[in-house]
Amino acid sequence: MGNPFKVMIMGYLMPLFTAVVALLIPEYDQQYIKWIVAVFVLLMLLPIVLSFRFPDNKEKAYRLTLSYQLYAFTFFSTVPLLKVMKGTIVIQLLLVGLFIGFYFLARFDQRTEVPIVFPDSDKRKWLAIPFYAVPVLLTLFGFGGDHRVTRRFFETHGYDFAMTYISIILYLFACWLLFLFSSLAYKSLVKEGYLEN
């Protein structure tokens, strides 16, 4: 993995990228700057706090910080849909709750006999196929990144509907990524005993 400290420092670029995108899409909203700044302050303090938690092994602190950077990266991808749903606080809270639920669902999945993400056993590996098909389907439903098709979709269906649709695709992809990252973190840090003192 290289120098863990350097990897952790570079890791801040990932949530920064999605934070900038989230701030601008669907439209600039100053209210969300506070949330983005709050998350980044927590991310900056995390390696310091974790260094006190693991004083003999700074690498643990850096690896854990990197996993939370990945979680922030996915969280910022949900912000466009939260902004589209502005004014409906109940729906926004449900969306945030569902997103956080994927974190715990991944942890639960990794404790099952045959987890979906990188199953250890050869039996029932077919369960992982639908999981890995999800990003392919989301890419297809998201027009495969073709800006001409996307622009035509906006022109045909109107800005409000198209932005809601694109934001939902982005939200679902963020949930999928969170499930993947949480599973990998649990598998590598907890199941393989990396966090044991």
C-alpha atoms as a PDB file:
ATOM      1  CA  MET A   1       0.000   0.000   0.000  1.00  0.00           C
ATOM      2  CA  GLY A   2       3.029   2.304   0.192  1.00  0.00           C
ATOM      3  CA  ASN A   3       3.690   4.779   2.975  1.00  0.00           C
ATOM      4  CA  PRO A   4       0.399   4.798   4.990  1.00  0.00           C
ATOM      5  CA  PHE A   5       0.856   8.443   6.010  1.00  0.00           C
ATOM      6  CA  LYS A   6       1.276   9.619   2.401  1.00  0.00           C
ATOM      7  CA  VAL A   7      -1.668   7.487   1.286  1.00  0.00           C
ATOM      8  CA  MET A   8      -3.807   9.022   4.061  1.00  0.00           C
ATOM      9  CA  ILE A   9      -2.801  12.565   3.024  1.00  0.00           C
ATOM     10  CA  MET A  10      -3.630  11.818  -0.623  1.00  0.00           C
ATOM     11  CA  GLY A  11      -6.876  10.237   0.571  1.00  0.00           C
ATOM     12  CA  TYR A  12      -8.269  13.671   1.429  1.00  0.00           C
ATOM     13  CA  LEU A  13      -8.516  14.403  -2.305  1.00  0.00           C
ATOM     14  CA  MET A  14     -11.294  11.822  -2.765  1.00  0.00           C
ATOM     15  CA  PRO A  15     -13.890  13.385  -0.450  1.00  0.00           C
ATOM     16  CA  LEU A  16     -12.726  16.841  -1.573  1.00  0.00           C
ATOM     17  CA  PHE A  17     -13.640  15.971  -5.173  1.00  0.00           C
ATOM     18  CA  THR A  18     -17.145  14.747  -4.334  1.00  0.00           C
ATOM     19  CA  ALA A  19     -17.611  17.652  -1.887  1.00  0.00           C
ATOM     20  CA  VAL A  20     -16.995  20.176  -4.689  1.00  0.00           C
ATOM     21  CA  VAL A  21     -19.354  18.299  -7.023  1.00  0.00           C
ATOM     22  CA  ALA A  22     -21.989  18.069  -4.275  1.00  0.00           C
ATOM     23  CA  LEU A  23     -21.667  21.780  -3.554  1.00  0.00           C
ATOM     24  CA  LEU A  24     -22.355  22.732  -7.176  1.00  0.00           C
ATOM     25  CA  ILE A  25     -24.991  20.138  -8.163  1.00  0.00           C
ATOM     26  CA  PRO A  26     -27.847  20.702  -8.728  1.00  0.00           C
ATOM     27  CA  GLU A  27     -27.179  24.302  -7.685  1.00  0.00           C
ATOM     28  CA  TYR A  28     -24.889  26.129  -5.306  1.00  0.00           C
ATOM     29  CA  ASP A  29     -26.334  26.266  -1.803  1.00  0.00           C
ATOM     30  CA  GLN A  30     -24.325  27.977   0.932  1.00  0.00           C
ATOM     31  CA  GLN A  31     -26.068  25.958   3.646  1.00  0.00           C
ATOM     32  CA  TYR A  32     -24.215  22.809   2.565  1.00  0.00           C
ATOM     33  CA  ILE A  33     -20.794  24.444   2.985  1.00  0.00           C
ATOM     34  CA  LYS A  34     -21.261  24.115   6.756  1.00  0.00           C
ATOM     35  CA  TRP A  35     -21.860  20.370   6.454  1.00  0.00           C
ATOM     36  CA  ILE A  36     -18.895  19.886   4.136  1.00  0.00           C
ATOM     37  CA  VAL A  37     -16.591  21.912   6.405  1.00  0.00           C
ATOM     38  CA  ALA A  38     -17.835  19.997   9.479  1.00  0.00           C
ATOM     39  CA  VAL A  39     -17.087  16.632   7.844  1.00  0.00           C
ATOM     40  CA  PHE A  40     -13.625  17.799   6.772  1.00  0.00           C
ATOM     41  CA  VAL A  41     -12.817  19.118  10.249  1.00  0.00           C
ATOM     42  CA  LEU A  42     -13.747  15.696  11.663  1.00  0.00           C
ATOM     43  CA  LEU A  43     -11.618  13.970   9.016  1.00  0.00           C
ATOM     44  CA  MET A  44      -8.648  16.211   9.834  1.00  0.00           C
ATOM     45  CA  LEU A  45      -8.977  15.522  13.580  1.00  0.00           C
ATOM     46  CA  LEU A  46      -9.457  11.781  13.094  1.00  0.00           C
ATOM     47  CA  PRO A  47      -5.778  10.785  12.639  1.00  0.00           C
ATOM     48  CA  ILE A  48      -4.846  12.787  15.754  1.00  0.00           C
ATOM     49  CA  VAL A  49      -7.565  11.132  17.870  1.00  0.00           C
ATOM     50  CA  LEU A  50      -6.741   7.685  16.486  1.00  0.00           C
ATOM     51  CA  SER A  51      -3.030   8.237  17.155  1.00  0.00           C
ATOM     52  CA  PHE A  52      -3.904   8.588  20.845  1.00  0.00           C
ATOM     53  CA  ARG A  53      -6.075   5.460  20.600  1.00  0.00           C
ATOM     54  CA  PHE A  54      -3.224   3.453  18.993  1.00  0.00           C
ATOM     55  CA  PRO A  55      -0.061   5.125  20.376  1.00  0.00           C
ATOM     56  CA  ASP A  56       2.184   2.168  19.511  1.00  0.00           C
ATOM     57  CA  ASN A  57       0.966   1.755  15.943  1.00  0.00           C
ATOM     58  CA  LYS A  58       0.338   4.912  13.917  1.00  0.00           C
ATOM     59  CA  GLU A  59      -0.302   2.804  10.809  1.00  0.00           C
ATOM     60  CA  LYS A  60      -3.610   1.672  12.329  1.00  0.00           C
ATOM     61  CA  ALA A  61      -4.649   5.300  12.755  1.00  0.00           C
ATOM     62  CA  TYR A  62      -3.763   6.080   9.137  1.00  0.00           C
ATOM     63  CA  ARG A  63      -5.588   3.024   7.775  1.00  0.00           C
ATOM     64  CA  LEU A  64      -8.707   3.788   9.800  1.00  0.00           C
ATOM     65  CA  THR A  65      -8.609   7.415   8.667  1.00  0.00           C
ATOM     66  CA  LEU A  66      -8.398   6.240   5.064  1.00  0.00           C
ATOM     67  CA  SER A  67     -11.500   4.088   5.529  1.00  0.00           C
ATOM     68  CA  TYR A  68     -13.423   7.082   6.913  1.00  0.00           C
ATOM     69  CA  GLN A  69     -12.205   9.176   3.974  1.00  0.00           C
ATOM     70  CA  LEU A  70     -13.812   6.593   1.699  1.00  0.00           C
ATOM     71  CA  TYR A  71     -17.045   6.837   3.692  1.00  0.00           C
ATOM     72  CA  ALA A  72     -16.999  10.644   3.366  1.00  0.00           C
ATOM     73  CA  PHE A  73     -16.354  10.254  -0.372  1.00  0.00           C
ATOM     74  CA  THR A  74     -19.550   8.212  -0.687  1.00  0.00           C
ATOM     75  CA  PHE A  75     -21.548  10.457   1.674  1.00  0.00           C
ATOM     76  CA  PHE A  76     -20.871  13.565  -0.399  1.00  0.00           C
ATOM     77  CA  SER A  77     -22.232  11.671  -3.421  1.00  0.00           C
ATOM     78  CA  THR A  78     -25.632  11.572  -1.690  1.00  0.00           C
ATOM     79  CA  VAL A  79     -25.765  15.346  -1.177  1.00  0.00           C
ATOM     80  CA  PRO A  80     -27.182  16.207  -4.652  1.00  0.00           C
ATOM     81  CA  LEU A  81     -30.302  14.139  -3.891  1.00  0.00           C
ATOM     82  CA  LEU A  82     -30.564  15.698  -0.441  1.00  0.00           C
ATOM     83  CA  LYS A  83     -30.424  19.121  -2.095  1.00  0.00           C
ATOM     84  CA  VAL A  84     -33.087  18.110  -4.635  1.00  0.00           C
ATOM     85  CA  MET A  85     -35.301  17.072  -1.715  1.00  0.00           C
ATOM     86  CA  LYS A  86     -34.746  20.380   0.086  1.00  0.00           C
ATOM     87  CA  GLY A  87     -37.808  21.402   2.069  1.00  0.00           C
ATOM     88  CA  THR A  88     -38.851  17.817   2.798  1.00  0.00           C
ATOM     89  CA  ILE A  89     -36.850  17.159   5.970  1.00  0.00           C
ATOM     90  CA  VAL A  90     -38.543  13.793   6.630  1.00  0.00           C
ATOM     91  CA  ILE A  91     -37.452  12.428   3.235  1.00  0.00           C
ATOM     92  CA  GLN A  92     -33.961  13.852   3.718  1.00  0.00           C
ATOM     93  CA  LEU A  93     -33.658  12.144   7.111  1.00  0.00           C
ATOM     94  CA  LEU A  94     -34.925   8.871   5.630  1.00  0.00           C
ATOM     95  CA  LEU A  95     -32.334   9.099   2.832  1.00  0.00           C
ATOM     96  CA  VAL A  96     -29.526   9.728   5.325  1.00  0.00           C
ATOM     97  CA  GLY A  97     -30.819   6.913   7.543  1.00  0.00           C
ATOM     98  CA  LEU A  98     -30.977   4.501   4.599  1.00  0.00           C
ATOM     99  CA  PHE A  99     -27.457   5.461   3.556  1.00  0.00           C
ATOM    100  CA  ILE A 100     -26.075   4.883   7.078  1.00  0.00           C
ATOM    101  CA  GLY A 101     -28.018   1.613   7.189  1.00  0.00           C
ATOM    102  CA  PHE A 102     -25.872   0.266   4.335  1.00  0.00           C
ATOM    103  CA  TYR A 103     -22.811   0.657   6.551  1.00  0.00           C
ATOM    104  CA  PHE A 104     -24.303  -1.608   9.215  1.00  0.00           C
ATOM    105  CA  LEU A 105     -25.806  -3.960   6.633  1.00  0.00           C
ATOM    106  CA  ALA A 106     -22.313  -4.539   5.204  1.00  0.00           C
ATOM    107  CA  ARG A 107     -20.958  -5.313   8.675  1.00  0.00           C
ATOM    108  CA  PHE A 108     -23.797  -7.766   9.252  1.00  0.00           C
ATOM    109  CA  ASP A 109     -23.205  -9.350   5.827  1.00  0.00           C
ATOM    110  CA  GLN A 110     -19.513  -9.915   6.586  1.00  0.00           C
ATOM    111  CA  ARG A 111     -20.467 -11.822   9.743  1.00  0.00           C
ATOM    112  CA  THR A 112     -22.661 -14.269   7.803  1.00  0.00           C
ATOM    113  CA  GLU A 113     -21.407 -17.669   6.682  1.00  0.00           C
ATOM    114  CA  VAL A 114     -20.992 -16.589   3.048  1.00  0.00           C
ATOM    115  CA  PRO A 115     -20.748 -12.786   2.697  1.00  0.00           C
ATOM    116  CA  ILE A 116     -21.709 -11.079  -0.551  1.00  0.00           C
ATOM    117  CA  VAL A 117     -18.453  -9.138  -0.933  1.00  0.00           C
ATOM    118  CA  PHE A 118     -15.520 -11.509  -1.567  1.00  0.00           C
ATOM    119  CA  PRO A 119     -17.102 -14.655  -0.121  1.00  0.00           C
ATOM    120  CA  ASP A 120     -14.521 -16.893   1.556  1.00  0.00           C
ATOM    121  CA  SER A 121     -16.290 -20.080   0.577  1.00  0.00           C
ATOM    122  CA  ASP A 122     -16.826 -21.435  -2.940  1.00  0.00           C
ATOM    123  CA  LYS A 123     -20.382 -22.407  -2.112  1.00  0.00           C
ATOM    124  CA  ARG A 124     -23.051 -19.843  -2.937  1.00  0.00           C
ATOM    125  CA  LYS A 125     -20.587 -17.471  -4.624  1.00  0.00           C
ATOM    126  CA  TRP A 126     -23.362 -16.808  -7.096  1.00  0.00           C
ATOM    127  CA  LEU A 127     -24.906 -14.523  -4.428  1.00  0.00           C
ATOM    128  CA  ALA A 128     -22.190 -11.974  -5.222  1.00  0.00           C
ATOM    129  CA  ILE A 129     -23.129 -11.761  -8.923  1.00  0.00           C
ATOM    130  CA  PRO A 130     -26.218  -9.523  -8.451  1.00  0.00           C
ATOM    131  CA  PHE A 131     -24.190  -7.256  -6.140  1.00  0.00           C
ATOM    132  CA  TYR A 132     -21.468  -6.731  -8.729  1.00  0.00           C
ATOM    133  CA  ALA A 133     -24.096  -6.239 -11.457  1.00  0.00           C
ATOM    134  CA  VAL A 134     -25.577  -3.209  -9.657  1.00  0.00           C
ATOM    135  CA  PRO A 135     -22.965  -0.628 -10.813  1.00  0.00           C
ATOM    136  CA  VAL A 136     -23.283  -1.910 -14.395  1.00  0.00           C
ATOM    137  CA  LEU A 137     -27.058  -1.398 -14.274  1.00  0.00           C
ATOM    138  CA  LEU A 138     -26.693   2.024 -12.650  1.00  0.00           C
ATOM    139  CA  THR A 139     -24.225   3.037 -15.371  1.00  0.00           C
ATOM    140  CA  LEU A 140     -26.697   1.932 -18.044  1.00  0.00           C
ATOM    141  CA  PHE A 141     -29.573   3.770 -16.358  1.00  0.00           C
ATOM    142  CA  GLY A 142     -27.256   6.770 -15.951  1.00  0.00           C
ATOM    143  CA  PHE A 143     -26.685   6.882 -19.737  1.00  0.00           C
ATOM    144  CA  GLY A 144     -23.201   5.394 -19.479  1.00  0.00           C
ATOM    145  CA  GLY A 145     -21.639   8.806 -18.938  1.00  0.00           C
ATOM    146  CA  ASP A 146     -22.605   9.991 -22.437  1.00  0.00           C
ATOM    147  CA  HIS A 147     -23.101  13.743 -22.078  1.00  0.00           C
ATOM    148  CA  ARG A 148     -25.067  14.016 -25.363  1.00  0.00           C
ATOM    149  CA  VAL A 149     -27.680  11.500 -24.213  1.00  0.00           C
ATOM    150  CA  THR A 150     -27.787  13.173 -20.794  1.00  0.00           C
ATOM    151  CA  ARG A 151     -28.293  16.621 -22.360  1.00  0.00           C
ATOM    152  CA  ARG A 152     -31.085  15.241 -24.563  1.00  0.00           C
ATOM    153  CA  PHE A 153     -32.710  13.690 -21.479  1.00  0.00           C
ATOM    154  CA  PHE A 154     -32.632  17.075 -19.716  1.00  0.00           C
ATOM    155  CA  GLU A 155     -34.119  18.808 -22.773  1.00  0.00           C
ATOM    156  CA  THR A 156     -36.865  16.208 -23.205  1.00  0.00           C
ATOM    157  CA  HIS A 157     -37.957  15.713 -19.597  1.00  0.00           C
ATOM    158  CA  GLY A 158     -37.181  19.075 -18.033  1.00  0.00           C
ATOM    159  CA  TYR A 159     -34.504  20.125 -15.589  1.00  0.00           C
ATOM    160  CA  ASP A 160     -36.313  19.247 -12.343  1.00  0.00           C
ATOM    161  CA  PHE A 161     -37.244  15.685 -13.302  1.00  0.00           C
ATOM    162  CA  ALA A 162     -33.872  14.966 -14.955  1.00  0.00           C
ATOM    163  CA  MET A 163     -31.871  16.297 -12.010  1.00  0.00           C
ATOM    164  CA  THR A 164     -33.930  14.223  -9.584  1.00  0.00           C
ATOM    165  CA  TYR A 165     -33.384  11.124 -11.744  1.00  0.00           C
ATOM    166  CA  ILE A 166     -29.609  11.663 -12.035  1.00  0.00           C
ATOM    167  CA  SER A 167     -29.352  12.407  -8.295  1.00  0.00           C
ATOM    168  CA  ILE A 168     -31.172   9.146  -7.480  1.00  0.00           C
ATOM    169  CA  ILE A 169     -28.734   7.188  -9.675  1.00  0.00           C
ATOM    170  CA  LEU A 170     -25.820   8.901  -7.920  1.00  0.00           C
ATOM    171  CA  TYR A 171     -27.352   8.194  -4.498  1.00  0.00           C
ATOM    172  CA  LEU A 172     -27.829   4.500  -5.283  1.00  0.00           C
ATOM    173  CA  PHE A 173     -24.261   4.240  -6.538  1.00  0.00           C
ATOM    174  CA  ALA A 174     -23.042   5.913  -3.313  1.00  0.00           C
ATOM    175  CA  CYS A 175     -25.000   3.343  -1.252  1.00  0.00           C
ATOM    176  CA  TRP A 176     -23.444   0.524  -3.280  1.00  0.00           C
ATOM    177  CA  LEU A 177     -19.955   1.964  -2.759  1.00  0.00           C
ATOM    178  CA  LEU A 178     -20.545   2.401   0.974  1.00  0.00           C
ATOM    179  CA  PHE A 179     -21.592  -1.255   1.223  1.00  0.00           C
ATOM    180  CA  LEU A 180     -18.454  -2.297  -0.680  1.00  0.00           C
ATOM    181  CA  PHE A 181     -16.067  -0.081   1.331  1.00  0.00           C
ATOM    182  CA  SER A 182     -17.621  -1.107   4.660  1.00  0.00           C
ATOM    183  CA  SER A 183     -17.353  -4.777   3.740  1.00  0.00           C
ATOM    184  CA  LEU A 184     -13.724  -4.416   2.702  1.00  0.00           C
ATOM    185  CA  ALA A 185     -12.873  -2.444   5.842  1.00  0.00           C
ATOM    186  CA  TYR A 186     -14.547  -4.999   8.100  1.00  0.00           C
ATOM    187  CA  LYS A 187     -12.916  -7.907   6.264  1.00  0.00           C
ATOM    188  CA  SER A 188      -9.405  -6.446   6.297  1.00  0.00           C
ATOM    189  CA  LEU A 189      -9.421  -4.650   9.652  1.00  0.00           C
ATOM    190  CA  VAL A 190     -11.679  -6.755  11.857  1.00  0.00           C
ATOM    191  CA  LYS A 191     -12.013 -10.276  10.430  1.00  0.00           C
ATOM    192  CA  GLU A 192      -8.316 -10.538   9.708  1.00  0.00           C
ATOM    193  CA  GLY A 193      -7.533  -9.254  13.196  1.00  0.00           C
ATOM    194  CA  TYR A 194      -5.706  -6.072  12.172  1.00  0.00           C
ATOM    195  CA  LEU A 195      -7.397  -3.983  14.875  1.00  0.00           C
ATOM    196  CA  GLU A 196      -6.611  -6.374  17.699  1.00  0.00           C
ATOM    197  CA  ASN A 197      -4.022  -5.048  20.137  1.00  0.00           C
END
